[in-house]
Amino acid sequence: MPAYGQPEPGVVEITGEQEIAPDLVVVPNRHMDLVPNIGVIGGTHSVLVVETGMGPRNAEKVLKFAASRARGRRVQGVGKPEPG
């Protein structure tokens, strides 16, 4: 069980994002177990999401965040495949 006020391990929270260069955003993992650092890289025609987190709920959150940064550009995702 997570400590009071802490998200569950493995749950991506889009907080503390940092734009480290124009069109280059990092969402840190907050030192949480099973949560990756996430990168959003903007190009001329598309936005690339590097690591969407584990599972469809995390991916949905991350891709929604990326779409908000895309300003009409296509969103592409790259992440680890689900075990199976």
C-alpha atoms as a PDB file:
ATOM      1  CA  MET A   1       0.000   0.000   0.000  1.00  0.00           C
ATOM      2  CA  PRO A   2       1.432   3.442  -0.890  1.00  0.00           C
ATOM      3  CA  ALA A   3       2.193   5.940   1.848  1.00  0.00           C
ATOM      4  CA  TYR A   4      -0.412   8.630   2.516  1.00  0.00           C
ATOM      5  CA  GLY A   5      -0.385  11.196  -0.278  1.00  0.00           C
ATOM      6  CA  GLN A   6       1.792   9.058  -2.565  1.00  0.00           C
ATOM      7  CA  PRO A   7       0.514   7.594  -5.844  1.00  0.00           C
ATOM      8  CA  GLU A   8       0.542   3.830  -6.336  1.00  0.00           C
ATOM      9  CA  PRO A   9       3.761   2.342  -7.749  1.00  0.00           C
ATOM     10  CA  GLY A  10       3.543   2.072 -11.511  1.00  0.00           C
ATOM     11  CA  VAL A  11       0.951   4.854 -11.898  1.00  0.00           C
ATOM     12  CA  VAL A  12       2.095   7.701 -14.133  1.00  0.00           C
ATOM     13  CA  GLU A  13       1.277  11.189 -12.866  1.00  0.00           C
ATOM     14  CA  ILE A  14       1.885  14.066 -15.269  1.00  0.00           C
ATOM     15  CA  THR A  15       3.444  16.502 -12.798  1.00  0.00           C
ATOM     16  CA  GLY A  16       6.691  18.398 -12.701  1.00  0.00           C
ATOM     17  CA  GLU A  17       7.112  18.398 -16.472  1.00  0.00           C
ATOM     18  CA  GLN A  18      10.108  20.422 -17.650  1.00  0.00           C
ATOM     19  CA  GLU A  19      10.640  21.965 -21.074  1.00  0.00           C
ATOM     20  CA  ILE A  20      14.408  21.590 -21.335  1.00  0.00           C
ATOM     21  CA  ALA A  21      14.570  23.003 -24.890  1.00  0.00           C
ATOM     22  CA  PRO A  22      11.983  24.219 -27.391  1.00  0.00           C
ATOM     23  CA  ASP A  23       9.669  21.272 -28.135  1.00  0.00           C
ATOM     24  CA  LEU A  24      11.585  18.928 -25.782  1.00  0.00           C
ATOM     25  CA  VAL A  25       9.673  18.075 -22.599  1.00  0.00           C
ATOM     26  CA  VAL A  26      10.575  15.612 -19.849  1.00  0.00           C
ATOM     27  CA  VAL A  27       8.109  14.257 -17.295  1.00  0.00           C
ATOM     28  CA  PRO A  28      10.195  12.919 -14.392  1.00  0.00           C
ATOM     29  CA  ASN A  29       9.315   9.652 -12.664  1.00  0.00           C
ATOM     30  CA  ARG A  30       9.384  11.243  -9.169  1.00  0.00           C
ATOM     31  CA  HIS A  31      11.564   8.298  -8.068  1.00  0.00           C
ATOM     32  CA  MET A  32       8.492   6.018  -8.113  1.00  0.00           C
ATOM     33  CA  ASP A  33       8.870   2.277  -8.686  1.00  0.00           C
ATOM     34  CA  LEU A  34       7.765   1.028 -12.087  1.00  0.00           C
ATOM     35  CA  VAL A  35       7.281   4.547 -13.502  1.00  0.00           C
ATOM     36  CA  PRO A  36       9.582   5.607 -16.351  1.00  0.00           C
ATOM     37  CA  ASN A  37      10.876   9.052 -17.148  1.00  0.00           C
ATOM     38  CA  ILE A  38       8.843  10.204 -20.147  1.00  0.00           C
ATOM     39  CA  GLY A  39      10.044  12.353 -23.027  1.00  0.00           C
ATOM     40  CA  VAL A  40       7.976  14.334 -25.536  1.00  0.00           C
ATOM     41  CA  ILE A  41       9.926  15.512 -28.577  1.00  0.00           C
ATOM     42  CA  GLY A  42       8.291  17.861 -31.072  1.00  0.00           C
ATOM     43  CA  GLY A  43       9.159  17.887 -34.747  1.00  0.00           C
ATOM     44  CA  THR A  44       7.821  19.768 -37.736  1.00  0.00           C
ATOM     45  CA  HIS A  45       5.009  17.321 -38.523  1.00  0.00           C
ATOM     46  CA  SER A  46       4.819  14.979 -35.516  1.00  0.00           C
ATOM     47  CA  VAL A  47       5.420  14.679 -31.794  1.00  0.00           C
ATOM     48  CA  LEU A  48       7.289  11.619 -30.498  1.00  0.00           C
ATOM     49  CA  VAL A  49       6.497  10.236 -27.045  1.00  0.00           C
ATOM     50  CA  VAL A  50       9.366   8.203 -25.592  1.00  0.00           C
ATOM     51  CA  GLU A  51       8.002   5.715 -23.054  1.00  0.00           C
ATOM     52  CA  THR A  52       4.276   5.774 -22.331  1.00  0.00           C
ATOM     53  CA  GLY A  53       4.382   3.854 -19.047  1.00  0.00           C
ATOM     54  CA  MET A  54       3.078   0.371 -18.374  1.00  0.00           C
ATOM     55  CA  GLY A  55      -0.472  -0.484 -19.363  1.00  0.00           C
ATOM     56  CA  PRO A  56      -3.228   1.215 -21.296  1.00  0.00           C
ATOM     57  CA  ARG A  57      -4.332   3.594 -18.500  1.00  0.00           C
ATOM     58  CA  ASN A  58      -0.852   5.091 -18.197  1.00  0.00           C
ATOM     59  CA  ALA A  59      -0.462   5.250 -21.976  1.00  0.00           C
ATOM     60  CA  GLU A  60      -3.792   7.065 -22.271  1.00  0.00           C
ATOM     61  CA  LYS A  61      -2.679   9.743 -19.760  1.00  0.00           C
ATOM     62  CA  VAL A  62       0.691  10.223 -21.440  1.00  0.00           C
ATOM     63  CA  LEU A  63      -0.722  10.356 -24.967  1.00  0.00           C
ATOM     64  CA  LYS A  64      -3.373  12.875 -23.853  1.00  0.00           C
ATOM     65  CA  PHE A  65      -0.595  15.057 -22.406  1.00  0.00           C
ATOM     66  CA  ALA A  66       1.416  14.716 -25.634  1.00  0.00           C
ATOM     67  CA  ALA A  67      -1.618  15.628 -27.741  1.00  0.00           C
ATOM     68  CA  SER A  68      -2.037  18.811 -25.693  1.00  0.00           C
ATOM     69  CA  ARG A  69       1.571  19.734 -26.567  1.00  0.00           C
ATOM     70  CA  ALA A  70       1.271  18.692 -30.223  1.00  0.00           C
ATOM     71  CA  ARG A  71      -0.784  21.682 -31.406  1.00  0.00           C
ATOM     72  CA  GLY A  72      -2.245  19.761 -34.352  1.00  0.00           C
ATOM     73  CA  ARG A  73       0.791  17.594 -35.115  1.00  0.00           C
ATOM     74  CA  ARG A  74       0.519  13.818 -35.262  1.00  0.00           C
ATOM     75  CA  VAL A  75       1.465  11.960 -32.038  1.00  0.00           C
ATOM     76  CA  GLN A  76       3.705   8.868 -32.255  1.00  0.00           C
ATOM     77  CA  GLY A  77       4.572   6.686 -29.260  1.00  0.00           C
ATOM     78  CA  VAL A  78       7.575   4.534 -28.422  1.00  0.00           C
ATOM     79  CA  GLY A  79       7.604   2.385 -25.291  1.00  0.00           C
ATOM     80  CA  LYS A  80       8.342  -1.015 -23.867  1.00  0.00           C
ATOM     81  CA  PRO A  81       6.048  -3.795 -25.031  1.00  0.00           C
ATOM     82  CA  GLU A  82       3.728  -5.333 -22.476  1.00  0.00           C
ATOM     83  CA  PRO A  83       5.049  -8.625 -21.065  1.00  0.00           C
ATOM     84  CA  GLY A  84       3.164 -11.570 -22.355  1.00  0.00           C
END
